Amino acid sequence: MLQYLYFDLQTLGNYGARTWEYAKGNGSWGALTLTSDGTNGFSQDGAAVFSPPSDWKQDVVNAIADKFWIRVAVASVTAATTVNQIKANLVYNCLMLSPRFSRAVENPYRVPYELTFAQQENP
């Protein structure tokens, strides 16, 4: 099942190379390949779409235990994006986006759903 993160951007950004990753457990990360990046690198509203990796495992990040994690890092920032909201149809427990989007999202019921949360800056 394809998963997506839909980004409703308030201010469009300009970033260098982006690296998407997922937790593999025990503090290790693997490269997450997007099926499509409708945000065009956070320069427009759109969805980042991916297939959940088969070795995606629960891990501990920032002292938050037993969650499934996703993160994105950028090589450089020319203009920072601000976000109105991010919607997700995740079946898994948690997601983390960094450096600009760093809010944990939890789904204790572990069922597909649509989720909305606001941006939180990571100082």
PDB file of N, CA and C in Angstrom:
ATOM      1  N   MET A   1       0.837  -1.171   0.000  1.00  0.00           N
ATOM      2  CA  MET A   1       0.000   0.000   0.000  1.00  0.00           C
ATOM      3  C   MET A   1       0.892   1.248   0.000  1.00  0.00           C
ATOM      4  N   LEU A   2       0.663   2.132  -0.956  1.00  0.00           N
ATOM      5  CA  LEU A   2       1.422   3.381  -0.992  1.00  0.00           C
ATOM      6  C   LEU A   2       0.999   4.284   0.156  1.00  0.00           C
ATOM      7  N   GLN A   3       1.956   4.967   0.715  1.00  0.00           N
ATOM      8  CA  GLN A   3       1.725   5.921   1.790  1.00  0.00           C
ATOM      9  C   GLN A   3       2.054   7.315   1.252  1.00  0.00           C
ATOM     10  N   TYR A   4       1.464   8.340   1.837  1.00  0.00           N
ATOM     11  CA  TYR A   4       1.800   9.691   1.408  1.00  0.00           C
ATOM     12  C   TYR A   4       1.845  10.647   2.576  1.00  0.00           C
ATOM     13  N   LEU A   5       2.616  11.696   2.379  1.00  0.00           N
ATOM     14  CA  LEU A   5       2.649  12.858   3.265  1.00  0.00           C
ATOM     15  C   LEU A   5       2.306  14.037   2.367  1.00  0.00           C
ATOM     16  N   TYR A   6       1.161  14.669   2.597  1.00  0.00           N
ATOM     17  CA  TYR A   6       0.758  15.818   1.786  1.00  0.00           C
ATOM     18  C   TYR A   6       1.141  17.097   2.515  1.00  0.00           C
ATOM     19  N   PHE A   7       1.919  17.948   1.858  1.00  0.00           N
ATOM     20  CA  PHE A   7       2.411  19.192   2.446  1.00  0.00           C
ATOM     21  C   PHE A   7       1.635  20.372   1.879  1.00  0.00           C
ATOM     22  N   ASP A   8       0.930  21.085   2.751  1.00  0.00           N
ATOM     23  CA  ASP A   8       0.255  22.333   2.412  1.00  0.00           C
ATOM     24  C   ASP A   8       1.193  23.439   2.889  1.00  0.00           C
ATOM     25  N   LEU A   9       1.918  24.037   1.958  1.00  0.00           N
ATOM     26  CA  LEU A   9       2.964  25.002   2.298  1.00  0.00           C
ATOM     27  C   LEU A   9       2.425  26.419   2.309  1.00  0.00           C
ATOM     28  N   GLN A  10       2.833  27.186   3.306  1.00  0.00           N
ATOM     29  CA  GLN A  10       2.457  28.594   3.378  1.00  0.00           C
ATOM     30  C   GLN A  10       3.466  29.428   2.600  1.00  0.00           C
ATOM     31  N   THR A  11       4.755  29.172   2.832  1.00  0.00           N
ATOM     32  CA  THR A  11       5.839  29.849   2.142  1.00  0.00           C
ATOM     33  C   THR A  11       6.650  28.794   1.409  1.00  0.00           C
ATOM     34  N   LEU A  12       6.887  28.991   0.134  1.00  0.00           N
ATOM     35  CA  LEU A  12       7.633  28.016  -0.654  1.00  0.00           C
ATOM     36  C   LEU A  12       9.112  28.103  -0.338  1.00  0.00           C
ATOM     37  N   GLY A  13       9.785  26.961  -0.350  1.00  0.00           N
ATOM     38  CA  GLY A  13      11.198  26.909   0.016  1.00  0.00           C
ATOM     39  C   GLY A  13      12.103  26.649  -1.169  1.00  0.00           C
ATOM     40  N   ASN A  14      13.387  26.751  -0.897  1.00  0.00           N
ATOM     41  CA  ASN A  14      14.420  26.446  -1.879  1.00  0.00           C
ATOM     42  C   ASN A  14      15.527  25.710  -1.140  1.00  0.00           C
ATOM     43  N   TYR A  15      15.655  24.406  -1.404  1.00  0.00           N
ATOM     44  CA  TYR A  15      16.578  23.549  -0.682  1.00  0.00           C
ATOM     45  C   TYR A  15      17.541  22.862  -1.638  1.00  0.00           C
ATOM     46  N   GLY A  16      18.666  22.460  -1.070  1.00  0.00           N
ATOM     47  CA  GLY A  16      19.601  21.614  -1.805  1.00  0.00           C
ATOM     48  C   GLY A  16      19.069  20.184  -1.817  1.00  0.00           C
ATOM     49  N   ALA A  17      19.947  19.250  -2.077  1.00  0.00           N
ATOM     50  CA  ALA A  17      19.561  17.839  -2.157  1.00  0.00           C
ATOM     51  C   ALA A  17      18.861  17.391  -0.876  1.00  0.00           C
ATOM     52  N   ARG A  18      17.829  16.581  -1.056  1.00  0.00           N
ATOM     53  CA  ARG A  18      17.080  16.059   0.072  1.00  0.00           C
ATOM     54  C   ARG A  18      17.344  14.568   0.207  1.00  0.00           C
ATOM     55  N   THR A  19      17.472  14.113   1.441  1.00  0.00           N
ATOM     56  CA  THR A  19      17.682  12.695   1.722  1.00  0.00           C
ATOM     57  C   THR A  19      16.564  12.220   2.641  1.00  0.00           C
ATOM     58  N   TRP A  20      15.732  11.324   2.140  1.00  0.00           N
ATOM     59  CA  TRP A  20      14.649  10.739   2.925  1.00  0.00           C
ATOM     60  C   TRP A  20      15.150   9.422   3.503  1.00  0.00           C
ATOM     61  N   GLU A  21      14.816   9.168   4.780  1.00  0.00           N
ATOM     62  CA  GLU A  21      15.261   7.947   5.440  1.00  0.00           C
ATOM     63  C   GLU A  21      14.151   7.371   6.314  1.00  0.00           C
ATOM     64  N   TYR A  22      14.288   6.088   6.635  1.00  0.00           N
ATOM     65  CA  TYR A  22      13.356   5.410   7.525  1.00  0.00           C
ATOM     66  C   TYR A  22      14.155   4.625   8.565  1.00  0.00           C
ATOM     67  N   ALA A  23      13.560   4.413   9.735  1.00  0.00           N
ATOM     68  CA  ALA A  23      14.218   3.682  10.813  1.00  0.00           C
ATOM     69  C   ALA A  23      14.223   2.188  10.516  1.00  0.00           C
ATOM     70  N   LYS A  24      15.398   1.587  10.714  1.00  0.00           N
ATOM     71  CA  LYS A  24      15.560   0.147  10.528  1.00  0.00           C
ATOM     72  C   LYS A  24      15.737  -0.574  11.862  1.00  0.00           C
ATOM     73  N   GLY A  25      15.628   0.180  12.975  1.00  0.00           N
ATOM     74  CA  GLY A  25      15.808  -0.392  14.297  1.00  0.00           C
ATOM     75  C   GLY A  25      17.236  -0.269  14.771  1.00  0.00           C
ATOM     76  N   ASN A  26      17.432  -0.313  16.074  1.00  0.00           N
ATOM     77  CA  ASN A  26      18.760  -0.229  16.687  1.00  0.00           C
ATOM     78  C   ASN A  26      19.543   1.008  16.265  1.00  0.00           C
ATOM     79  N   GLY A  27      18.852   2.111  16.019  1.00  0.00           N
ATOM     80  CA  GLY A  27      19.518   3.364  15.671  1.00  0.00           C
ATOM     81  C   GLY A  27      20.027   3.449  14.246  1.00  0.00           C
ATOM     82  N   SER A  28      19.696   2.497  13.404  1.00  0.00           N
ATOM     83  CA  SER A  28      20.170   2.563  12.011  1.00  0.00           C
ATOM     84  C   SER A  28      19.053   3.066  11.097  1.00  0.00           C
ATOM     85  N   TRP A  29      19.484   3.706  10.028  1.00  0.00           N
ATOM     86  CA  TRP A  29      18.560   4.308   9.066  1.00  0.00           C
ATOM     87  C   TRP A  29      18.854   3.770   7.676  1.00  0.00           C
ATOM     88  N   GLY A  30      17.801   3.658   6.870  1.00  0.00           N
ATOM     89  CA  GLY A  30      17.938   3.248   5.482  1.00  0.00           C
ATOM     90  C   GLY A  30      17.399   4.321   4.570  1.00  0.00           C
ATOM     91  N   ALA A  31      17.862   4.337   3.340  1.00  0.00           N
ATOM     92  CA  ALA A  31      17.388   5.311   2.350  1.00  0.00           C
ATOM     93  C   ALA A  31      15.949   4.986   1.953  1.00  0.00           C
ATOM     94  N   LEU A  32      15.083   5.988   2.026  1.00  0.00           N
ATOM     95  CA  LEU A  32      13.692   5.842   1.621  1.00  0.00           C
ATOM     96  C   LEU A  32      13.542   6.431   0.231  1.00  0.00           C
ATOM     97  N   THR A  33      13.130   5.606  -0.706  1.00  0.00           N
ATOM     98  CA  THR A  33      12.925   6.063  -2.075  1.00  0.00           C
ATOM     99  C   THR A  33      11.485   6.510  -2.245  1.00  0.00           C
ATOM    100  N   LEU A  34      11.311   7.749  -2.667  1.00  0.00           N
ATOM    101  CA  LEU A  34       9.966   8.255  -2.927  1.00  0.00           C
ATOM    102  C   LEU A  34       9.490   7.749  -4.281  1.00  0.00           C
ATOM    103  N   THR A  35       8.227   7.362  -4.344  1.00  0.00           N
ATOM    104  CA  THR A  35       7.601   7.008  -5.613  1.00  0.00           C
ATOM    105  C   THR A  35       7.405   8.274  -6.438  1.00  0.00           C
ATOM    106  N   SER A  36       7.049   9.352  -5.743  1.00  0.00           N
ATOM    107  CA  SER A  36       6.938  10.663  -6.391  1.00  0.00           C
ATOM    108  C   SER A  36       7.069  11.756  -5.336  1.00  0.00           C
ATOM    109  N   ASP A  37       7.552  12.917  -5.775  1.00  0.00           N
ATOM    110  CA  ASP A  37       7.671  14.084  -4.895  1.00  0.00           C
ATOM    111  C   ASP A  37       6.867  15.215  -5.510  1.00  0.00           C
ATOM    112  N   GLY A  38       5.596  15.267  -5.153  1.00  0.00           N
ATOM    113  CA  GLY A  38       4.713  16.308  -5.668  1.00  0.00           C
ATOM    114  C   GLY A  38       5.033  17.684  -5.128  1.00  0.00           C
ATOM    115  N   THR A  39       5.912  17.766  -4.115  1.00  0.00           N
ATOM    116  CA  THR A  39       6.305  19.062  -3.573  1.00  0.00           C
ATOM    117  C   THR A  39       7.423  19.700  -4.386  1.00  0.00           C
ATOM    118  N   ASN A  40       8.010  18.920  -5.293  1.00  0.00           N
ATOM    119  CA  ASN A  40       9.154  19.401  -6.076  1.00  0.00           C
ATOM    120  C   ASN A  40      10.208  20.013  -5.154  1.00  0.00           C
ATOM    121  N   GLY A  41      10.563  19.233  -4.114  1.00  0.00           N
ATOM    122  CA  GLY A  41      11.585  19.699  -3.176  1.00  0.00           C
ATOM    123  C   GLY A  41      11.104  20.786  -2.241  1.00  0.00           C
ATOM    124  N   PHE A  42       9.835  20.747  -1.834  1.00  0.00           N
ATOM    125  CA  PHE A  42       9.210  21.733  -0.947  1.00  0.00           C
ATOM    126  C   PHE A  42       9.088  23.109  -1.594  1.00  0.00           C
ATOM    127  N   SER A  43       9.003  23.140  -2.934  1.00  0.00           N
ATOM    128  CA  SER A  43       8.821  24.409  -3.636  1.00  0.00           C
ATOM    129  C   SER A  43       7.374  24.608  -4.087  1.00  0.00           C
ATOM    130  N   GLN A  44       6.493  23.655  -3.761  1.00  0.00           N
ATOM    131  CA  GLN A  44       5.070  23.769  -4.077  1.00  0.00           C
ATOM    132  C   GLN A  44       4.291  22.797  -3.184  1.00  0.00           C
ATOM    133  N   ASP A  45       2.999  23.043  -3.034  1.00  0.00           N
ATOM    134  CA  ASP A  45       2.140  22.104  -2.314  1.00  0.00           C
ATOM    135  C   ASP A  45       2.154  20.774  -3.052  1.00  0.00           C
ATOM    136  N   GLY A  46       2.097  19.682  -2.299  1.00  0.00           N
ATOM    137  CA  GLY A  46       2.042  18.383  -2.957  1.00  0.00           C
ATOM    138  C   GLY A  46       2.329  17.254  -1.993  1.00  0.00           C
ATOM    139  N   ALA A  47       2.297  16.037  -2.524  1.00  0.00           N
ATOM    140  CA  ALA A  47       2.475  14.836  -1.710  1.00  0.00           C
ATOM    141  C   ALA A  47       3.799  14.159  -2.004  1.00  0.00           C
ATOM    142  N   ALA A  48       4.453  13.713  -0.947  1.00  0.00           N
ATOM    143  CA  ALA A  48       5.608  12.823  -1.045  1.00  0.00           C
ATOM    144  C   ALA A  48       5.043  11.415  -0.879  1.00  0.00           C
ATOM    145  N   VAL A  49       5.196  10.569  -1.904  1.00  0.00           N
ATOM    146  CA  VAL A  49       4.586   9.249  -1.926  1.00  0.00           C
ATOM    147  C   VAL A  49       5.683   8.183  -1.860  1.00  0.00           C
ATOM    148  N   PHE A  50       5.447   7.128  -1.064  1.00  0.00           N
ATOM    149  CA  PHE A  50       6.437   6.061  -0.937  1.00  0.00           C
ATOM    150  C   PHE A  50       5.750   4.748  -0.603  1.00  0.00           C
ATOM    151  N   SER A  51       6.452   3.655  -0.851  1.00  0.00           N
ATOM    152  CA  SER A  51       6.018   2.329  -0.410  1.00  0.00           C
ATOM    153  C   SER A  51       6.751   2.017   0.881  1.00  0.00           C
ATOM    154  N   PRO A  52       6.052   1.583   1.916  1.00  0.00           N
ATOM    155  CA  PRO A  52       6.740   1.269   3.176  1.00  0.00           C
ATOM    156  C   PRO A  52       7.775   0.157   2.963  1.00  0.00           C
ATOM    157  N   PRO A  53       9.022   0.382   3.364  1.00  0.00           N
ATOM    158  CA  PRO A  53      10.052  -0.645   3.204  1.00  0.00           C
ATOM    159  C   PRO A  53       9.736  -1.874   4.064  1.00  0.00           C
ATOM    160  N   SER A  54      10.112  -3.037   3.578  1.00  0.00           N
ATOM    161  CA  SER A  54       9.828  -4.281   4.305  1.00  0.00           C
ATOM    162  C   SER A  54      10.614  -4.382   5.606  1.00  0.00           C
ATOM    163  N   ASP A  55      11.746  -3.667   5.706  1.00  0.00           N
ATOM    164  CA  ASP A  55      12.554  -3.734   6.928  1.00  0.00           C
ATOM    165  C   ASP A  55      12.388  -2.497   7.815  1.00  0.00           C
ATOM    166  N   TRP A  56      11.286  -1.767   7.638  1.00  0.00           N
ATOM    167  CA  TRP A  56      10.964  -0.616   8.485  1.00  0.00           C
ATOM    168  C   TRP A  56      10.611  -1.156   9.865  1.00  0.00           C
ATOM    169  N   LYS A  57      11.321  -0.714  10.888  1.00  0.00           N
ATOM    170  CA  LYS A  57      11.124  -1.250  12.234  1.00  0.00           C
ATOM    171  C   LYS A  57      10.935  -0.133  13.248  1.00  0.00           C
ATOM    172  N   GLN A  58      10.324  -0.488  14.353  1.00  0.00           N
ATOM    173  CA  GLN A  58      10.180   0.459  15.448  1.00  0.00           C
ATOM    174  C   GLN A  58      11.555   0.754  16.036  1.00  0.00           C
ATOM    175  N   ASP A  59      11.706   1.992  16.519  1.00  0.00           N
ATOM    176  CA  ASP A  59      12.975   2.403  17.092  1.00  0.00           C
ATOM    177  C   ASP A  59      12.731   3.499  18.114  1.00  0.00           C
ATOM    178  N   VAL A  60      13.805   3.944  18.746  1.00  0.00           N
ATOM    179  CA  VAL A  60      13.772   5.040  19.719  1.00  0.00           C
ATOM    180  C   VAL A  60      14.459   6.240  19.083  1.00  0.00           C
ATOM    181  N   VAL A  61      13.762   7.380  19.039  1.00  0.00           N
ATOM    182  CA  VAL A  61      14.332   8.626  18.516  1.00  0.00           C
ATOM    183  C   VAL A  61      13.931   9.735  19.480  1.00  0.00           C
ATOM    184  N   ASN A  62      14.907  10.555  19.885  1.00  0.00           N
ATOM    185  CA  ASN A  62      14.648  11.647  20.831  1.00  0.00           C
ATOM    186  C   ASN A  62      13.890  11.160  22.068  1.00  0.00           C
ATOM    187  N   ALA A  63      14.286  10.007  22.578  1.00  0.00           N
ATOM    188  CA  ALA A  63      13.719   9.396  23.781  1.00  0.00           C
ATOM    189  C   ALA A  63      12.258   8.967  23.611  1.00  0.00           C
ATOM    190  N   ILE A  64      11.751   8.918  22.388  1.00  0.00           N
ATOM    191  CA  ILE A  64      10.408   8.408  22.111  1.00  0.00           C
ATOM    192  C   ILE A  64      10.585   7.001  21.564  1.00  0.00           C
ATOM    193  N   ALA A  65      10.096   6.015  22.323  1.00  0.00           N
ATOM    194  CA  ALA A  65      10.369   4.618  22.014  1.00  0.00           C
ATOM    195  C   ALA A  65       9.261   3.949  21.214  1.00  0.00           C
ATOM    196  N   ASP A  66       9.657   2.869  20.541  1.00  0.00           N
ATOM    197  CA  ASP A  66       8.736   1.933  19.896  1.00  0.00           C
ATOM    198  C   ASP A  66       7.809   2.576  18.873  1.00  0.00           C
ATOM    199  N   LYS A  67       8.374   3.399  18.014  1.00  0.00           N
ATOM    200  CA  LYS A  67       7.617   4.037  16.939  1.00  0.00           C
ATOM    201  C   LYS A  67       8.295   3.741  15.605  1.00  0.00           C
ATOM    202  N   PHE A  68       7.543   3.844  14.515  1.00  0.00           N
ATOM    203  CA  PHE A  68       8.102   3.775  13.174  1.00  0.00           C
ATOM    204  C   PHE A  68       8.421   5.215  12.774  1.00  0.00           C
ATOM    205  N   TRP A  69       9.609   5.456  12.205  1.00  0.00           N
ATOM    206  CA  TRP A  69      10.066   6.814  11.943  1.00  0.00           C
ATOM    207  C   TRP A  69      10.430   7.019  10.481  1.00  0.00           C
ATOM    208  N   ILE A  70      10.189   8.246  10.010  1.00  0.00           N
ATOM    209  CA  ILE A  70      10.654   8.731   8.709  1.00  0.00           C
ATOM    210  C   ILE A  70      11.275  10.085   8.966  1.00  0.00           C
ATOM    211  N   ARG A  71      12.351  10.384   8.247  1.00  0.00           N
ATOM    212  CA  ARG A  71      12.939  11.721   8.357  1.00  0.00           C
ATOM    213  C   ARG A  71      13.442  12.155   6.997  1.00  0.00           C
ATOM    214  N   VAL A  72      13.550  13.471   6.856  1.00  0.00           N
ATOM    215  CA  VAL A  72      14.146  14.029   5.639  1.00  0.00           C
ATOM    216  C   VAL A  72      15.136  15.102   6.077  1.00  0.00           C
ATOM    217  N   ALA A  73      16.311  15.066   5.486  1.00  0.00           N
ATOM    218  CA  ALA A  73      17.342  16.069   5.753  1.00  0.00           C
ATOM    219  C   ALA A  73      17.654  16.772   4.443  1.00  0.00           C
ATOM    220  N   VAL A  74      18.062  18.021   4.545  1.00  0.00           N
ATOM    221  CA  VAL A  74      18.406  18.791   3.351  1.00  0.00           C
ATOM    222  C   VAL A  74      19.864  19.220   3.424  1.00  0.00           C
ATOM    223  N   ALA A  75      20.513  19.281   2.268  1.00  0.00           N
ATOM    224  CA  ALA A  75      21.931  19.640   2.202  1.00  0.00           C
ATOM    225  C   ALA A  75      22.151  21.124   2.456  1.00  0.00           C
ATOM    226  N   SER A  76      21.204  21.953   2.015  1.00  0.00           N
ATOM    227  CA  SER A  76      21.334  23.399   2.193  1.00  0.00           C
ATOM    228  C   SER A  76      19.954  24.033   2.145  1.00  0.00           C
ATOM    229  N   VAL A  77      19.869  25.243   2.708  1.00  0.00           N
ATOM    230  CA  VAL A  77      18.614  25.987   2.727  1.00  0.00           C
ATOM    231  C   VAL A  77      18.878  27.386   2.191  1.00  0.00           C
ATOM    232  N   THR A  78      18.291  27.709   1.041  1.00  0.00           N
ATOM    233  CA  THR A  78      18.369  29.058   0.502  1.00  0.00           C
ATOM    234  C   THR A  78      17.189  29.881   1.014  1.00  0.00           C
ATOM    235  N   ALA A  79      16.005  29.264   0.985  1.00  0.00           N
ATOM    236  CA  ALA A  79      14.790  29.877   1.519  1.00  0.00           C
ATOM    237  C   ALA A  79      14.022  28.790   2.255  1.00  0.00           C
ATOM    238  N   ALA A  80      13.697  29.040   3.512  1.00  0.00           N
ATOM    239  CA  ALA A  80      13.010  28.036   4.334  1.00  0.00           C
ATOM    240  C   ALA A  80      11.515  28.010   4.041  1.00  0.00           C
ATOM    241  N   THR A  81      10.983  26.815   3.945  1.00  0.00           N
ATOM    242  CA  THR A  81       9.553  26.608   3.788  1.00  0.00           C
ATOM    243  C   THR A  81       8.861  26.777   5.133  1.00  0.00           C
ATOM    244  N   THR A  82       7.698  27.395   5.112  1.00  0.00           N
ATOM    245  CA  THR A  82       6.823  27.333   6.276  1.00  0.00           C
ATOM    246  C   THR A  82       5.606  26.519   5.857  1.00  0.00           C
ATOM    247  N   VAL A  83       5.022  25.825   6.808  1.00  0.00           N
ATOM    248  CA  VAL A  83       3.988  24.848   6.512  1.00  0.00           C
ATOM    249  C   VAL A  83       2.689  25.224   7.202  1.00  0.00           C
ATOM    250  N   ASN A  84       1.595  25.185   6.443  1.00  0.00           N
ATOM    251  CA  ASN A  84       0.275  25.320   7.050  1.00  0.00           C
ATOM    252  C   ASN A  84      -0.079  24.029   7.767  1.00  0.00           C
ATOM    253  N   GLN A  85       0.065  22.902   7.062  1.00  0.00           N
ATOM    254  CA  GLN A  85      -0.216  21.605   7.647  1.00  0.00           C
ATOM    255  C   GLN A  85       0.371  20.495   6.794  1.00  0.00           C
ATOM    256  N   ILE A  86       0.494  19.331   7.419  1.00  0.00           N
ATOM    257  CA  ILE A  86       0.936  18.127   6.727  1.00  0.00           C
ATOM    258  C   ILE A  86      -0.114  17.067   7.002  1.00  0.00           C
ATOM    259  N   LYS A  87      -0.578  16.414   5.943  1.00  0.00           N
ATOM    260  CA  LYS A  87      -1.545  15.335   6.087  1.00  0.00           C
ATOM    261  C   LYS A  87      -0.835  14.033   5.723  1.00  0.00           C
ATOM    262  N   ALA A  88      -1.199  12.974   6.437  1.00  0.00           N
ATOM    263  CA  ALA A  88      -0.578  11.681   6.179  1.00  0.00           C
ATOM    264  C   ALA A  88      -1.633  10.590   6.207  1.00  0.00           C
ATOM    265  N   ASN A  89      -1.418   9.547   5.411  1.00  0.00           N
ATOM    266  CA  ASN A  89      -2.290   8.379   5.470  1.00  0.00           C
ATOM    267  C   ASN A  89      -1.481   7.189   5.978  1.00  0.00           C
ATOM    268  N   LEU A  90      -0.736   7.402   7.042  1.00  0.00           N
ATOM    269  CA  LEU A  90       0.172   6.389   7.561  1.00  0.00           C
ATOM    270  C   LEU A  90      -0.548   5.309   8.349  1.00  0.00           C
ATOM    271  N   VAL A  91      -0.113   4.082   8.163  1.00  0.00           N
ATOM    272  CA  VAL A  91      -0.607   2.965   8.943  1.00  0.00           C
ATOM    273  C   VAL A  91       0.284   2.786  10.164  1.00  0.00           C
ATOM    274  N   TYR A  92       1.511   3.265  10.070  1.00  0.00           N
ATOM    275  CA  TYR A  92       2.496   3.069  11.125  1.00  0.00           C
ATOM    276  C   TYR A  92       2.358   4.117  12.214  1.00  0.00           C
ATOM    277  N   ASN A  93       3.169   3.998  13.244  1.00  0.00           N
ATOM    278  CA  ASN A  93       2.998   4.795  14.453  1.00  0.00           C
ATOM    279  C   ASN A  93       3.513   6.216  14.414  1.00  0.00           C
ATOM    280  N   CYS A  94       4.625   6.501  13.790  1.00  0.00           N
ATOM    281  CA  CYS A  94       5.237   7.802  14.014  1.00  0.00           C
ATOM    282  C   CYS A  94       6.001   8.259  12.801  1.00  0.00           C
ATOM    283  N   LEU A  95       6.168   9.552  12.677  1.00  0.00           N
ATOM    284  CA  LEU A  95       6.987  10.098  11.621  1.00  0.00           C
ATOM    285  C   LEU A  95       7.750  11.282  12.159  1.00  0.00           C
ATOM    286  N   MET A  96       8.948  11.488  11.636  1.00  0.00           N
ATOM    287  CA  MET A  96       9.767  12.616  12.053  1.00  0.00           C
ATOM    288  C   MET A  96      10.374  13.227  10.807  1.00  0.00           C
ATOM    289  N   LEU A  97      10.262  14.508  10.667  1.00  0.00           N
ATOM    290  CA  LEU A  97      10.858  15.225   9.551  1.00  0.00           C
ATOM    291  C   LEU A  97      11.808  16.257  10.121  1.00  0.00           C
ATOM    292  N   SER A  98      13.002  16.339   9.568  1.00  0.00           N
ATOM    293  CA  SER A  98      13.973  17.294  10.077  1.00  0.00           C
ATOM    294  C   SER A  98      14.759  17.870   8.921  1.00  0.00           C
ATOM    295  N   PRO A  99      15.374  19.021   8.989  1.00  0.00           N
ATOM    296  CA  PRO A  99      15.518  19.834  10.170  1.00  0.00           C
ATOM    297  C   PRO A  99      14.340  20.775  10.421  1.00  0.00           C
ATOM    298  N   ARG A 100      13.506  21.050   9.455  1.00  0.00           N
ATOM    299  CA  ARG A 100      12.458  22.051   9.629  1.00  0.00           C
ATOM    300  C   ARG A 100      11.160  21.490  10.197  1.00  0.00           C
ATOM    301  N   PHE A 101      10.898  20.219  10.005  1.00  0.00           N
ATOM    302  CA  PHE A 101       9.652  19.636  10.456  1.00  0.00           C
ATOM    303  C   PHE A 101      10.001  18.533  11.441  1.00  0.00           C
ATOM    304  N   SER A 102       9.758  18.759  12.712  1.00  0.00           N
ATOM    305  CA  SER A 102      10.262  17.797  13.698  1.00  0.00           C
ATOM    306  C   SER A 102       9.215  17.375  14.720  1.00  0.00           C
ATOM    307  N   ARG A 103       8.004  17.254  14.292  1.00  0.00           N
ATOM    308  CA  ARG A 103       6.961  16.884  15.246  1.00  0.00           C
ATOM    309  C   ARG A 103       6.627  15.399  15.111  1.00  0.00           C
ATOM    310  N   ALA A 104       6.570  14.712  16.208  1.00  0.00           N
ATOM    311  CA  ALA A 104       6.197  13.299  16.214  1.00  0.00           C
ATOM    312  C   ALA A 104       4.690  13.168  16.062  1.00  0.00           C
ATOM    313  N   VAL A 105       4.266  12.175  15.316  1.00  0.00           N
ATOM    314  CA  VAL A 105       2.852  11.934  15.077  1.00  0.00           C
ATOM    315  C   VAL A 105       2.557  10.505  15.488  1.00  0.00           C
ATOM    316  N   GLU A 106       1.577  10.308  16.333  1.00  0.00           N
ATOM    317  CA  GLU A 106       1.295   8.977  16.842  1.00  0.00           C
ATOM    318  C   GLU A 106      -0.081   8.484  16.429  1.00  0.00           C
ATOM    319  N   ASN A 107      -0.162   7.200  16.136  1.00  0.00           N
ATOM    320  CA  ASN A 107      -1.425   6.542  15.826  1.00  0.00           C
ATOM    321  C   ASN A 107      -1.503   5.271  16.662  1.00  0.00           C
ATOM    322  N   PRO A 108      -2.044   5.342  17.879  1.00  0.00           N
ATOM    323  CA  PRO A 108      -2.057   4.174  18.756  1.00  0.00           C
ATOM    324  C   PRO A 108      -2.921   3.027  18.236  1.00  0.00           C
ATOM    325  N   TYR A 109      -3.822   3.295  17.301  1.00  0.00           N
ATOM    326  CA  TYR A 109      -4.724   2.261  16.818  1.00  0.00           C
ATOM    327  C   TYR A 109      -4.150   1.452  15.669  1.00  0.00           C
ATOM    328  N   ARG A 110      -3.070   1.923  15.071  1.00  0.00           N
ATOM    329  CA  ARG A 110      -2.380   1.235  13.975  1.00  0.00           C
ATOM    330  C   ARG A 110      -3.326   0.860  12.837  1.00  0.00           C
ATOM    331  N   VAL A 111      -4.184   1.775  12.468  1.00  0.00           N
ATOM    332  CA  VAL A 111      -5.066   1.569  11.335  1.00  0.00           C
ATOM    333  C   VAL A 111      -4.877   2.736  10.382  1.00  0.00           C
ATOM    334  N   PRO A 112      -5.161   2.545   9.080  1.00  0.00           N
ATOM    335  CA  PRO A 112      -5.012   3.666   8.143  1.00  0.00           C
ATOM    336  C   PRO A 112      -5.904   4.828   8.549  1.00  0.00           C
ATOM    337  N   TYR A 113      -5.396   6.019   8.404  1.00  0.00           N
ATOM    338  CA  TYR A 113      -6.160   7.205   8.749  1.00  0.00           C
ATOM    339  C   TYR A 113      -5.512   8.397   8.078  1.00  0.00           C
ATOM    340  N   GLU A 114      -6.223   9.500   8.054  1.00  0.00           N
ATOM    341  CA  GLU A 114      -5.634  10.750   7.579  1.00  0.00           C
ATOM    342  C   GLU A 114      -5.384  11.618   8.788  1.00  0.00           C
ATOM    343  N   LEU A 115      -4.210  12.212   8.825  1.00  0.00           N
ATOM    344  CA  LEU A 115      -3.749  12.931   9.996  1.00  0.00           C
ATOM    345  C   LEU A 115      -3.286  14.314   9.576  1.00  0.00           C
ATOM    346  N   THR A 116      -3.535  15.292  10.385  1.00  0.00           N
ATOM    347  CA  THR A 116      -3.080  16.644  10.112  1.00  0.00           C
ATOM    348  C   THR A 116      -2.341  17.164  11.323  1.00  0.00           C
ATOM    349  N   PHE A 117      -1.195  17.803  11.092  1.00  0.00           N
ATOM    350  CA  PHE A 117      -0.487  18.455  12.190  1.00  0.00           C
ATOM    351  C   PHE A 117       0.242  19.663  11.666  1.00  0.00           C
ATOM    352  N   ALA A 118       0.553  20.578  12.550  1.00  0.00           N
ATOM    353  CA  ALA A 118       1.181  21.849  12.176  1.00  0.00           C
ATOM    354  C   ALA A 118       2.694  21.764  12.301  1.00  0.00           C
ATOM    355  N   GLN A 119       3.356  22.662  11.623  1.00  0.00           N
ATOM    356  CA  GLN A 119       4.818  22.731  11.658  1.00  0.00           C
ATOM    357  C   GLN A 119       5.325  23.103  13.025  1.00  0.00           C
ATOM    358  N   GLN A 120       6.445  22.530  13.399  1.00  0.00           N
ATOM    359  CA  GLN A 120       7.149  22.920  14.621  1.00  0.00           C
ATOM    360  C   GLN A 120       8.594  23.100  14.250  1.00  0.00           C
ATOM    361  N   GLU A 121       9.133  24.290  14.452  1.00  0.00           N
ATOM    362  CA  GLU A 121      10.521  24.563  14.099  1.00  0.00           C
ATOM    363  C   GLU A 121      11.462  23.805  15.006  1.00  0.00           C
ATOM    364  N   ASN A 122      12.582  23.388  14.435  1.00  0.00           N
ATOM    365  CA  ASN A 122      13.617  22.687  15.171  1.00  0.00           C
ATOM    366  C   ASN A 122      14.802  23.635  15.293  1.00  0.00           C
ATOM    367  N   PRO A 123      14.972  24.316  16.451  1.00  0.00           N
ATOM    368  CA  PRO A 123      16.007  25.343  16.565  1.00  0.00           C
ATOM    369  C   PRO A 123      17.415  24.800  16.414  1.00  0.00           C
TER     370      PRO A 123
END
